[in-house]
Amino acid sequence: MARPHHHITTGILLLLSLQLTLSYVQNDEELKASYWNNNAREAVRNAVNRKLNVNKAKNLIMFLGDGMGVTTVTAMRILKGQMEGMSGEECNLTMDTFPYLALSKTYNVDQQMPDSAGTATAYLCGVKANYGTLGVTAATPRGNCSATFGNEVESILHRAKKSGKSVGIVSTARVQHASPAGAYAHSADRGWYCDSDLTPEAVQHGCRDIAYQMVHNTEINVILGGGRRYMFNSTLLDPEDSSKGLRQDGLNLVAQWLENKKNAKYVWNKSQFDAVNPENTDFLMGLFDAGDLDYELVRNTSMDPSLTEMTEKAIRILSKNPNGYFLFVEGGRIDHGHHGGRAKRALTEGVQFDRAIGRAGELTNEMDTLTVVTADHSHVFAFGGYANRGNPVLGVSRSSAEDGKSFTNALYGNGPGYKVPRPDVNESISSDNDYHQPSAVPLGSETHGSEDVAIFAKGPMAHLFTGVQEQNYIAHAMAYAACLEPYENCAVDPDTSTDQAASVPSSHLLLLVALLSTLLSLLSL
């Protein structure tokens, strides 16, 4: 038989628990079953009434959150809501509103845990590749220049340009970095940013560095990001930090890019960028840092444009082409924040990335623009613990660990945050801009994860993005939607009508024809 004081203690605990729960309820309606039932009923109604958009995609936009695993997406969502004064959990990212969702298997041909080069070759070129290689098949081992030739694969950006579309790349990292380089380069090593990075074997066999290929392989209309140091030789000092260029071949690649182009501009700071009028600009290269751009958390807003601003400028320039465009936009420093074990930097980069997605949606038409949001890989980033609704995403658990110390809800499986003995922590400490979230294994740089990542899609043929797919499927589905090589004869509706007939999947039509044929056969008996 239970003791009387046990019932009293239990009652007090239940009351305290209820008070904690109620204190974080966003509104009183959430206490009613009708609130959740009505929300779900509306979601079901929207799903039932959703019509397939089988138009041909005039425009293609790919947003790549580098290192943006599913856990990162969840934490980004809560942080965005908390930055807007909500508890956070009920918030929606722009990508959350996309109607179609799939999972992407991210492994490289030779490695379980992928990198940004092999994955870029998959989602941009449609072919899985080896870890650290760009724009070549897995027949090219990393670092083997001679194995590059004959094993090159073309990106969807290159194919879009061949079809008459304008093309662009935007990144918060170096524009020669692995993710954007997958759109234009063929390299046995992602680290060959500049000619000074080439190995003797690469020089001997005539391989070119990635910066050189960016200028010479495909005519790219818009290039925005960082990476000035790889474009100039050592006789030229950087205008911002006076560092020397790294090229040893004496080339000025910016000058080469500007040659023989009309209405072309090069800018390196925000005031020059803001002065660019998209109406009279057909080519724009903006390199705003010698290396990667600064984190959004510490960005000098008077010197560097945001990812959202760069995305808008790119769309306004590219959209003048009546044949449409392909645009690749990378939130490149989500990845870098995680590698450094600094979740705050990674997540604030992610929130800015989502704002760029939202602005792109305001500037485009879902009837003719396919927008795909995905990640190349995840990180060993975890988010959990015991926390009440509305707990700061970078805060601490409400209970202590078995060692009697507090712990953060955001953690890493490995990385620079490893400390023994484990220090105590509070929200003031864990929310610092430079705080390293704790990790289980000591490493100088936190590693990528190996699990699947999400693909969000909206627009023409977005319904192709369902199920669990190999990562190289992404390039093929996008090419099919726009009737690019090798899908020039794709079965999409060339006009932009939205009648019911256009929304019927071809597989359903084939089934209907088969049923009618069977019925006619039976009637003839």
Protein backbone atom coordinates (compact mmCIF):
# COMPACT_ATOMS: atom_id res chain seq x y z
CA MET A 1 0.00 0.00 0.00
CA ALA A 2 1.37 3.42 -1.00
CA ARG A 3 2.25 5.82 1.79
CA PRO A 4 0.10 9.05 1.98
CA HIS A 5 3.10 11.38 1.55
CA HIS A 6 3.96 9.54 -1.69
CA HIS A 7 0.62 10.62 -3.20
CA ILE A 8 1.21 14.21 -2.10
CA THR A 9 4.71 14.28 -3.61
CA THR A 10 3.44 12.78 -6.85
CA GLY A 11 0.66 15.35 -7.01
CA ILE A 12 3.06 18.23 -6.49
CA LEU A 13 5.35 16.92 -9.23
CA LEU A 14 2.42 16.56 -11.63
CA LEU A 15 1.28 20.10 -10.83
CA LEU A 16 4.76 21.49 -11.41
CA SER A 17 5.01 19.57 -14.67
CA LEU A 18 1.65 20.95 -15.80
CA GLN A 19 2.73 24.49 -14.91
CA LEU A 20 5.95 24.09 -16.92
CA THR A 21 3.99 22.74 -19.87
CA LEU A 22 1.40 25.50 -19.75
CA SER A 23 4.08 28.19 -19.51
CA TYR A 24 5.40 27.19 -22.93
CA VAL A 25 2.08 26.69 -24.72
CA GLN A 26 2.06 29.07 -27.69
CA ASN A 27 -1.67 29.78 -27.29
CA ASP A 28 -4.58 28.40 -25.32
CA GLU A 29 -6.00 26.74 -28.44
CA GLU A 30 -3.17 24.20 -28.33
CA LEU A 31 -4.79 22.73 -25.21
CA LYS A 32 -7.83 21.67 -27.24
CA ALA A 33 -8.08 18.58 -29.42
CA SER A 34 -9.96 20.65 -32.01
CA TYR A 35 -6.86 22.78 -32.66
CA TRP A 36 -4.75 19.81 -33.70
CA ASN A 37 -7.61 18.05 -35.48
CA ASN A 38 -8.42 21.13 -37.55
CA ASN A 39 -4.77 21.68 -38.46
CA ALA A 40 -4.38 18.08 -39.55
CA ARG A 41 -7.69 18.13 -41.44
CA GLU A 42 -6.51 21.16 -43.40
CA ALA A 43 -3.22 19.45 -44.19
CA VAL A 44 -5.07 16.36 -45.42
CA ARG A 45 -7.36 18.53 -47.56
CA ASN A 46 -4.36 20.28 -49.11
CA ALA A 47 -2.70 16.95 -49.86
CA VAL A 48 -5.84 15.51 -51.45
CA ASN A 49 -6.45 18.58 -53.60
CA ARG A 50 -2.84 19.03 -54.70
CA LYS A 51 -2.53 18.88 -58.48
CA LEU A 52 0.62 17.74 -60.16
CA ASN A 53 2.51 20.42 -62.03
CA VAL A 54 3.65 18.66 -65.21
CA ASN A 55 4.76 21.78 -67.03
CA LYS A 56 8.22 22.02 -68.52
CA ALA A 57 10.58 23.81 -66.15
CA LYS A 58 11.84 26.97 -67.79
CA ASN A 59 14.00 27.80 -64.80
CA LEU A 60 15.91 25.57 -62.38
CA ILE A 61 17.16 26.68 -58.97
CA MET A 62 19.14 24.36 -56.71
CA PHE A 63 19.75 25.42 -53.12
CA LEU A 64 22.49 23.41 -51.44
CA GLY A 65 22.90 23.65 -47.68
CA ASP A 66 26.40 22.28 -47.23
CA GLY A 67 26.34 19.94 -44.25
CA MET A 68 22.61 20.60 -43.64
CA GLY A 69 21.48 17.27 -42.20
CA VAL A 70 17.97 16.68 -40.90
CA THR A 71 19.00 17.46 -37.31
CA THR A 72 20.44 20.75 -38.51
CA VAL A 73 17.18 21.56 -40.32
CA THR A 74 15.22 20.97 -37.11
CA ALA A 75 17.54 23.13 -35.03
CA MET A 76 17.48 25.85 -37.74
CA ARG A 77 13.68 25.84 -37.61
CA ILE A 78 13.56 26.32 -33.85
CA LEU A 79 16.26 29.00 -33.91
CA LYS A 80 14.43 30.90 -36.65
CA GLY A 81 11.23 30.86 -34.60
CA GLN A 82 13.02 31.97 -31.45
CA MET A 83 14.70 34.81 -33.36
CA GLU A 84 11.17 35.91 -34.30
CA GLY A 85 9.88 35.79 -30.73
CA MET A 86 8.17 32.39 -30.83
CA SER A 87 8.93 29.29 -28.80
CA GLY A 88 10.35 27.99 -32.07
CA GLU A 89 9.10 24.43 -32.43
CA GLU A 90 5.92 25.45 -34.24
CA CYS A 91 7.81 27.65 -36.74
CA ASN A 92 8.16 26.69 -40.42
CA LEU A 93 11.21 27.21 -42.55
CA THR A 94 10.53 28.21 -46.13
CA MET A 95 11.77 24.81 -47.25
CA ASP A 96 9.26 23.17 -44.89
CA THR A 97 6.44 24.54 -47.05
CA PHE A 98 7.62 22.75 -50.20
CA PRO A 99 5.05 20.07 -51.11
CA TYR A 100 7.40 17.24 -52.10
CA LEU A 101 10.06 15.56 -50.04
CA ALA A 102 12.54 12.73 -50.57
CA LEU A 103 15.67 11.32 -49.00
CA SER A 104 19.07 11.19 -50.67
CA LYS A 105 21.71 8.49 -50.06
CA THR A 106 24.95 10.41 -49.83
CA TYR A 107 27.78 7.85 -49.82
CA ASN A 108 30.63 8.22 -52.30
CA VAL A 109 31.66 5.30 -54.52
CA ASP A 110 34.74 4.61 -52.41
CA GLN A 111 33.70 5.89 -48.99
CA GLN A 112 30.77 5.48 -46.60
CA MET A 113 31.12 8.98 -45.17
CA PRO A 114 31.01 11.39 -48.14
CA ASP A 115 32.67 14.70 -48.88
CA SER A 116 31.42 17.76 -50.73
CA ALA A 117 33.27 17.00 -53.97
CA GLY A 118 32.06 13.46 -54.61
CA THR A 119 28.55 14.49 -53.62
CA ALA A 120 28.61 17.58 -55.87
CA THR A 121 29.53 15.33 -58.80
CA ALA A 122 26.47 13.22 -57.94
CA TYR A 123 23.78 15.88 -57.51
CA LEU A 124 25.10 18.20 -60.26
CA CYS A 125 26.49 15.76 -62.84
CA GLY A 126 24.24 12.76 -62.20
CA VAL A 127 27.12 10.32 -61.58
CA LYS A 128 28.47 9.12 -58.24
CA ALA A 129 32.21 9.59 -57.80
CA ASN A 130 35.10 9.08 -55.41
CA TYR A 131 35.73 11.08 -52.26
CA GLY A 132 37.54 14.33 -53.10
CA THR A 133 37.03 14.25 -56.89
CA LEU A 134 35.04 16.67 -59.03
CA GLY A 135 33.22 16.20 -62.34
CA VAL A 136 34.78 12.82 -63.11
CA THR A 137 33.64 9.22 -62.76
CA ALA A 138 34.87 6.86 -60.08
CA ALA A 139 37.41 5.57 -62.61
CA THR A 140 39.47 8.58 -61.51
CA PRO A 141 41.27 7.98 -58.19
CA ARG A 142 41.78 11.09 -56.09
CA GLY A 143 44.94 12.95 -57.06
CA ASN A 144 45.52 11.06 -60.31
CA CYS A 145 45.48 13.72 -63.01
CA SER A 146 46.14 11.34 -65.90
CA ALA A 147 43.00 9.35 -65.02
CA THR A 148 40.85 12.45 -65.50
CA PHE A 149 40.93 12.44 -69.29
CA GLY A 150 38.11 10.46 -70.84
CA ASN A 151 36.30 10.19 -67.51
CA GLU A 152 34.84 13.72 -67.39
CA VAL A 153 31.09 14.11 -66.78
CA GLU A 154 29.04 17.21 -67.61
CA SER A 155 27.04 19.09 -65.01
CA ILE A 156 23.45 20.19 -65.32
CA LEU A 157 24.73 23.79 -65.31
CA HIS A 158 26.82 23.03 -68.41
CA ARG A 159 23.90 21.29 -70.13
CA ALA A 160 21.58 24.19 -69.30
CA LYS A 161 24.05 26.61 -70.89
CA LYS A 162 24.30 24.44 -74.01
CA SER A 163 20.51 24.56 -74.31
CA GLY A 164 20.51 28.37 -74.41
CA LYS A 165 19.81 29.17 -70.77
CA SER A 166 21.72 31.63 -68.60
CA VAL A 167 23.55 30.08 -65.64
CA GLY A 168 24.91 31.22 -62.31
CA ILE A 169 26.56 30.13 -59.06
CA VAL A 170 26.27 31.82 -55.67
CA SER A 171 28.06 30.72 -52.51
CA THR A 172 29.05 31.97 -49.09
CA ALA A 173 32.25 29.92 -49.50
CA ARG A 174 34.95 30.27 -52.14
CA VAL A 175 33.40 29.91 -55.59
CA GLN A 176 36.20 27.43 -56.31
CA HIS A 177 35.13 25.31 -53.35
CA ALA A 178 33.93 21.74 -53.90
CA SER A 179 30.17 22.35 -54.07
CA PRO A 180 30.08 25.17 -56.66
CA ALA A 181 33.06 23.65 -58.51
CA GLY A 182 30.97 20.57 -59.23
CA ALA A 183 28.99 22.75 -61.62
CA TYR A 184 31.94 23.52 -63.93
CA ALA A 185 35.16 21.66 -63.09
CA HIS A 186 36.74 18.28 -63.85
CA SER A 187 39.42 17.66 -61.26
CA ALA A 188 41.03 14.62 -59.71
CA ASP A 189 41.45 16.62 -56.50
CA ARG A 190 39.13 19.20 -54.97
CA GLY A 191 42.15 20.89 -53.40
CA TRP A 192 43.57 22.09 -56.72
CA TYR A 193 42.04 25.54 -56.29
CA CYS A 194 44.93 27.35 -57.97
CA ASP A 195 47.86 26.45 -60.22
CA SER A 196 50.13 26.66 -57.18
CA ASP A 197 48.17 23.73 -55.68
CA LEU A 198 48.81 21.36 -58.59
CA THR A 199 51.10 18.38 -58.04
CA PRO A 200 54.07 17.72 -60.35
CA GLU A 201 52.11 14.83 -61.88
CA ALA A 202 49.15 17.12 -62.55
CA VAL A 203 51.38 19.73 -64.20
CA GLN A 204 53.13 17.06 -66.27
CA HIS A 205 49.85 15.70 -67.66
CA GLY A 206 48.31 19.11 -68.32
CA CYS A 207 45.59 19.28 -65.67
CA ARG A 208 44.24 22.75 -64.95
CA ASP A 209 43.36 24.21 -61.58
CA ILE A 210 39.73 24.78 -60.57
CA ALA A 211 39.84 28.60 -60.74
CA TYR A 212 41.15 28.40 -64.33
CA GLN A 213 38.39 25.96 -65.25
CA MET A 214 35.73 28.24 -63.76
CA VAL A 215 36.70 30.90 -66.28
CA HIS A 216 37.37 28.66 -69.29
CA ASN A 217 35.17 25.54 -69.17
CA THR A 218 31.65 27.00 -69.29
CA GLU A 219 30.53 30.58 -69.82
CA ILE A 220 28.89 31.38 -66.49
CA ASN A 221 26.74 34.52 -66.39
CA VAL A 222 26.78 35.16 -62.64
CA ILE A 223 29.51 34.18 -60.15
CA LEU A 224 29.09 35.48 -56.59
CA GLY A 225 30.97 34.47 -53.45
CA GLY A 226 34.53 34.45 -52.15
CA GLY A 227 37.86 33.26 -53.56
CA ARG A 228 39.78 36.29 -54.86
CA ARG A 229 43.20 34.87 -53.94
CA TYR A 230 42.99 32.13 -56.56
CA MET A 231 42.27 34.54 -59.41
CA PHE A 232 45.35 36.80 -59.21
CA ASN A 233 49.13 36.40 -59.16
CA SER A 234 51.46 37.43 -56.35
CA THR A 235 52.18 40.87 -57.83
CA LEU A 236 48.63 41.97 -57.00
CA LEU A 237 47.65 42.73 -53.42
CA ASP A 238 44.14 41.99 -52.20
CA PRO A 239 42.16 45.28 -51.89
CA GLU A 240 40.75 44.30 -48.51
CA ASP A 241 43.50 42.60 -46.52
CA SER A 242 46.60 43.32 -48.68
CA SER A 243 47.41 39.61 -48.98
CA LYS A 244 49.06 38.43 -52.19
CA GLY A 245 47.39 36.45 -54.93
CA LEU A 246 48.39 32.80 -55.14
CA ARG A 247 48.73 32.27 -58.88
CA GLN A 248 52.21 31.44 -60.17
CA ASP A 249 51.32 31.45 -63.88
CA GLY A 250 51.01 35.25 -64.06
CA LEU A 251 47.36 35.08 -65.12
CA ASN A 252 44.66 37.53 -64.10
CA LEU A 253 41.62 35.28 -64.36
CA VAL A 254 39.14 38.09 -63.65
CA ALA A 255 40.50 40.01 -66.64
CA GLN A 256 40.26 36.85 -68.75
CA TRP A 257 36.67 36.32 -67.67
CA LEU A 258 35.72 39.88 -68.64
CA GLU A 259 37.26 39.56 -72.13
CA ASN A 260 34.87 39.63 -75.09
CA LYS A 261 31.79 39.97 -72.88
CA LYS A 262 29.24 42.73 -73.26
CA ASN A 263 27.53 44.27 -70.23
CA ALA A 264 29.96 42.48 -67.90
CA LYS A 265 31.05 43.70 -64.46
CA TYR A 266 33.42 42.63 -61.71
CA VAL A 267 32.84 43.86 -58.13
CA TRP A 268 34.54 43.07 -54.83
CA ASN A 269 32.57 44.98 -52.19
CA LYS A 270 28.95 45.68 -51.28
CA SER A 271 28.76 49.27 -52.51
CA GLN A 272 29.93 48.17 -55.96
CA PHE A 273 27.53 45.23 -55.80
CA ASP A 274 24.58 47.44 -54.86
CA ALA A 275 25.37 49.77 -57.76
CA VAL A 276 24.99 46.96 -60.32
CA ASN A 277 21.79 47.40 -62.30
CA PRO A 278 20.48 43.98 -63.40
CA GLU A 279 18.66 45.59 -66.35
CA ASN A 280 21.90 46.51 -68.10
CA THR A 281 24.10 43.69 -66.74
CA ASP A 282 24.35 40.30 -68.45
CA PHE A 283 27.50 39.05 -66.70
CA LEU A 284 28.46 39.67 -63.08
CA MET A 285 31.40 38.34 -61.07
CA GLY A 286 31.46 39.40 -57.44
CA LEU A 287 34.26 38.11 -55.21
CA PHE A 288 33.86 39.60 -51.76
CA ASP A 289 36.69 37.93 -49.85
CA ALA A 290 40.14 36.52 -50.49
CA GLY A 291 38.83 33.18 -49.20
CA ASP A 292 35.42 32.20 -47.80
CA LEU A 293 32.97 34.93 -46.84
CA ASP A 294 32.63 35.75 -43.16
CA TYR A 295 29.99 33.94 -41.13
CA GLU A 296 26.60 35.63 -41.14
CA LEU A 297 26.99 36.02 -37.37
CA VAL A 298 29.93 38.41 -37.85
CA ARG A 299 29.41 39.62 -41.44
CA ASN A 300 30.42 43.23 -42.13
CA THR A 301 27.18 44.39 -43.69
CA SER A 302 28.87 47.45 -45.20
CA MET A 303 31.40 45.31 -47.10
CA ASP A 304 29.74 42.01 -47.96
CA PRO A 305 26.24 41.28 -49.29
CA SER A 306 24.17 38.57 -47.62
CA LEU A 307 23.34 35.29 -49.32
CA THR A 308 19.79 36.58 -49.79
CA GLU A 309 21.01 39.73 -51.51
CA MET A 310 23.34 37.77 -53.79
CA THR A 311 20.55 35.35 -54.68
CA GLU A 312 18.18 38.17 -55.59
CA LYS A 313 20.75 39.93 -57.78
CA ALA A 314 21.53 36.66 -59.58
CA ILE A 315 17.87 35.90 -60.28
CA ARG A 316 17.20 39.42 -61.59
CA ILE A 317 20.12 39.16 -64.03
CA LEU A 318 19.49 35.58 -65.16
CA SER A 319 15.72 35.92 -65.54
CA LYS A 320 16.10 38.31 -68.48
CA ASN A 321 16.89 35.33 -70.72
CA PRO A 322 13.66 34.23 -72.49
CA ASN A 323 15.02 30.66 -72.54
CA GLY A 324 15.26 30.57 -68.75
CA TYR A 325 18.16 29.84 -66.43
CA PHE A 326 19.87 27.45 -64.02
CA LEU A 327 21.06 28.86 -60.68
CA PHE A 328 23.07 27.05 -58.00
CA VAL A 329 23.00 28.67 -54.53
CA GLU A 330 25.11 27.28 -51.70
CA GLY A 331 24.94 28.01 -48.01
CA GLY A 332 28.55 26.92 -47.76
CA ARG A 333 29.44 27.91 -44.23
CA ILE A 334 26.80 25.80 -42.47
CA ASP A 335 29.37 23.07 -43.02
CA HIS A 336 32.26 25.13 -41.69
CA GLY A 337 30.42 26.04 -38.51
CA HIS A 338 29.82 22.37 -37.79
CA HIS A 339 33.41 21.40 -38.57
CA GLY A 340 34.50 23.94 -35.98
CA GLY A 341 32.06 22.50 -33.43
CA ARG A 342 30.31 25.87 -33.25
CA ALA A 343 26.61 25.15 -33.64
CA LYS A 344 25.58 28.80 -33.32
CA ARG A 345 27.58 29.71 -36.42
CA ALA A 346 26.24 26.76 -38.38
CA LEU A 347 22.60 27.41 -37.45
CA THR A 348 22.62 31.16 -38.07
CA GLU A 349 24.11 30.41 -41.51
CA GLY A 350 21.20 28.05 -42.01
CA VAL A 351 18.60 30.66 -41.10
CA GLN A 352 20.10 33.07 -43.65
CA PHE A 353 20.12 30.24 -46.21
CA ASP A 354 16.39 29.75 -45.65
CA ARG A 355 15.77 33.48 -46.06
CA ALA A 356 17.45 33.28 -49.48
CA ILE A 357 15.09 30.44 -50.40
CA GLY A 358 12.14 32.59 -49.35
CA ARG A 359 13.30 35.58 -51.38
CA ALA A 360 13.80 33.39 -54.44
CA GLY A 361 10.21 32.20 -54.06
CA GLU A 362 8.98 35.79 -54.08
CA LEU A 363 10.89 36.51 -57.30
CA THR A 364 9.85 33.42 -59.25
CA ASN A 365 6.72 31.66 -60.47
CA GLU A 366 6.10 28.14 -59.25
CA MET A 367 4.42 27.27 -62.56
CA ASP A 368 7.66 27.58 -64.56
CA THR A 369 10.46 27.37 -61.94
CA LEU A 370 11.54 24.11 -60.32
CA THR A 371 13.20 24.80 -56.97
CA VAL A 372 15.09 22.03 -55.20
CA VAL A 373 16.61 22.37 -51.72
CA THR A 374 18.95 19.69 -50.43
CA ALA A 375 22.23 18.99 -48.67
CA ASP A 376 25.36 17.22 -49.80
CA HIS A 377 25.86 15.42 -46.49
CA SER A 378 25.12 15.74 -42.80
CA HIS A 379 27.30 16.12 -39.70
CA VAL A 380 27.62 14.21 -36.44
CA PHE A 381 25.44 16.88 -34.84
CA ALA A 382 22.80 15.82 -32.33
CA PHE A 383 20.00 17.81 -30.76
CA GLY A 384 18.02 16.51 -27.82
CA GLY A 385 18.16 16.12 -24.07
CA TYR A 386 15.46 17.12 -21.61
CA ALA A 387 14.10 20.53 -22.51
CA ASN A 388 10.75 22.26 -22.11
CA ARG A 389 8.94 23.78 -25.05
CA GLY A 390 10.68 27.00 -26.06
CA ASN A 391 14.02 26.12 -24.47
CA PRO A 392 16.79 28.02 -26.33
CA VAL A 393 18.07 25.80 -29.12
CA LEU A 394 21.61 26.51 -27.88
CA GLY A 395 20.62 26.18 -24.23
CA VAL A 396 21.01 23.47 -21.61
CA SER A 397 18.89 20.59 -20.40
CA ARG A 398 16.53 21.20 -17.50
CA SER A 399 18.10 18.29 -15.57
CA SER A 400 21.68 17.50 -14.68
CA ALA A 401 23.76 14.61 -15.92
CA GLU A 402 24.91 11.77 -13.63
CA ASP A 403 28.05 13.75 -12.82
CA GLY A 404 25.85 16.48 -11.37
CA LYS A 405 26.68 18.99 -14.09
CA SER A 406 24.44 20.65 -16.66
CA PHE A 407 24.74 19.70 -20.33
CA THR A 408 23.83 21.32 -23.63
CA ASN A 409 21.02 19.99 -25.81
CA ALA A 410 23.19 20.49 -28.91
CA LEU A 411 26.13 18.08 -29.03
CA TYR A 412 28.64 16.60 -31.48
CA GLY A 413 29.75 13.00 -31.84
CA ASN A 414 33.30 14.21 -32.35
CA GLY A 415 35.21 17.46 -32.75
CA PRO A 416 37.10 20.20 -30.92
CA GLY A 417 34.58 20.48 -28.07
CA TYR A 418 35.94 17.42 -26.23
CA LYS A 419 37.11 18.21 -22.69
CA VAL A 420 38.11 16.07 -19.71
CA PRO A 421 36.99 16.59 -17.05
CA ARG A 422 33.69 17.72 -18.50
CA PRO A 423 33.05 21.37 -17.49
CA ASP A 424 29.76 22.60 -16.12
CA VAL A 425 27.82 24.88 -18.46
CA ASN A 426 24.92 27.30 -18.45
CA GLU A 427 22.95 29.09 -21.16
CA SER A 428 25.13 32.19 -20.97
CA ILE A 429 28.19 30.10 -21.79
CA SER A 430 26.57 27.85 -24.42
CA SER A 431 25.04 30.75 -26.38
CA ASP A 432 28.37 32.53 -26.91
CA ASN A 433 29.28 33.07 -30.57
CA ASP A 434 32.51 31.07 -30.23
CA TYR A 435 31.33 28.32 -27.90
CA HIS A 436 32.30 24.78 -28.91
CA GLN A 437 29.44 22.38 -28.21
CA PRO A 438 30.71 19.31 -26.30
CA SER A 439 31.84 16.31 -28.33
CA ALA A 440 32.34 12.66 -27.43
CA VAL A 441 35.60 12.14 -29.35
CA PRO A 442 38.51 14.62 -29.54
CA LEU A 443 39.22 15.80 -33.09
CA GLY A 444 40.61 19.05 -34.43
CA SER A 445 37.75 19.23 -36.93
CA GLU A 446 34.34 17.60 -36.52
CA THR A 447 33.45 15.10 -39.25
CA HIS A 448 30.64 14.68 -41.74
CA GLY A 449 27.85 12.23 -41.02
CA SER A 450 26.90 9.26 -43.19
CA GLU A 451 23.10 9.27 -42.97
CA ASP A 452 20.60 10.30 -45.64
CA VAL A 453 19.70 13.95 -46.18
CA ALA A 454 16.42 15.54 -47.25
CA ILE A 455 15.40 16.84 -50.67
CA PHE A 456 12.64 19.49 -50.72
CA ALA A 457 11.03 20.38 -54.08
CA LYS A 458 8.36 22.63 -55.59
CA GLY A 459 7.43 23.63 -59.13
CA PRO A 460 7.25 21.75 -62.44
CA MET A 461 7.74 17.98 -62.02
CA ALA A 462 8.56 18.43 -58.33
CA HIS A 463 6.58 15.24 -57.66
CA LEU A 464 9.57 13.31 -59.05
CA PHE A 465 11.23 13.95 -55.70
CA THR A 466 9.70 11.22 -53.54
CA GLY A 467 11.03 8.09 -51.88
CA VAL A 468 14.62 7.25 -51.01
CA GLN A 469 16.92 7.98 -53.95
CA GLU A 470 20.58 7.77 -54.80
CA GLN A 471 22.03 11.28 -54.69
CA ASN A 472 22.84 11.32 -58.41
CA TYR A 473 19.08 11.03 -59.10
CA ILE A 474 18.71 14.74 -58.30
CA ALA A 475 20.53 15.90 -61.44
CA HIS A 476 18.52 13.51 -63.59
CA ALA A 477 15.14 14.58 -62.20
CA MET A 478 15.99 18.25 -62.68
CA ALA A 479 17.26 17.64 -66.22
CA TYR A 480 14.08 15.72 -67.03
CA ALA A 481 11.88 18.54 -65.72
CA ALA A 482 13.64 21.04 -68.02
CA CYS A 483 14.12 18.64 -70.98
CA LEU A 484 17.90 18.94 -70.82
CA GLU A 485 20.36 16.28 -71.98
CA PRO A 486 19.84 13.36 -71.90
CA TYR A 487 16.08 14.00 -71.62
CA GLU A 488 15.50 16.30 -74.59
CA ASN A 489 12.34 14.34 -75.44
CA CYS A 490 10.90 14.43 -71.94
CA ALA A 491 7.17 13.90 -71.57
CA VAL A 492 6.24 17.21 -69.98
CA ASP A 493 3.58 19.71 -70.93
CA PRO A 494 5.20 22.55 -72.92
CA ASP A 495 2.52 25.05 -71.95
CA THR A 496 1.67 26.46 -68.53
CA SER A 497 -2.00 25.44 -68.31
CA THR A 498 -3.14 24.11 -64.97
CA ASP A 499 -6.28 22.20 -65.97
CA GLN A 500 -7.14 18.87 -64.42
CA ALA A 501 -5.97 16.85 -67.41
CA ALA A 502 -2.49 18.23 -67.07
CA SER A 503 -2.36 17.09 -63.47
CA VAL A 504 -2.93 13.38 -64.17
CA PRO A 505 0.25 11.31 -63.92
CA SER A 506 1.21 9.45 -67.08
CA SER A 507 1.25 6.17 -65.13
CA HIS A 508 -2.42 6.68 -64.27
CA LEU A 509 -3.24 7.35 -67.92
CA LEU A 510 -1.52 4.12 -68.96
CA LEU A 511 -3.50 2.20 -66.35
CA LEU A 512 -6.73 3.78 -67.61
CA VAL A 513 -5.94 2.77 -71.20
CA ALA A 514 -5.25 -0.80 -70.08
CA LEU A 515 -8.54 -1.00 -68.17
CA LEU A 516 -10.49 0.33 -71.16
CA SER A 517 -8.84 -2.22 -73.44
CA THR A 518 -9.79 -5.03 -71.05
CA LEU A 519 -13.37 -3.76 -70.86
CA LEU A 520 -13.69 -3.63 -74.65
CA SER A 521 -12.35 -7.17 -74.91
CA LEU A 522 -14.94 -8.40 -72.43
CA LEU A 523 -17.76 -6.64 -74.24
CA SER A 524 -16.76 -8.29 -77.53
CA LEU A 525 -17.15 -11.80 -76.04
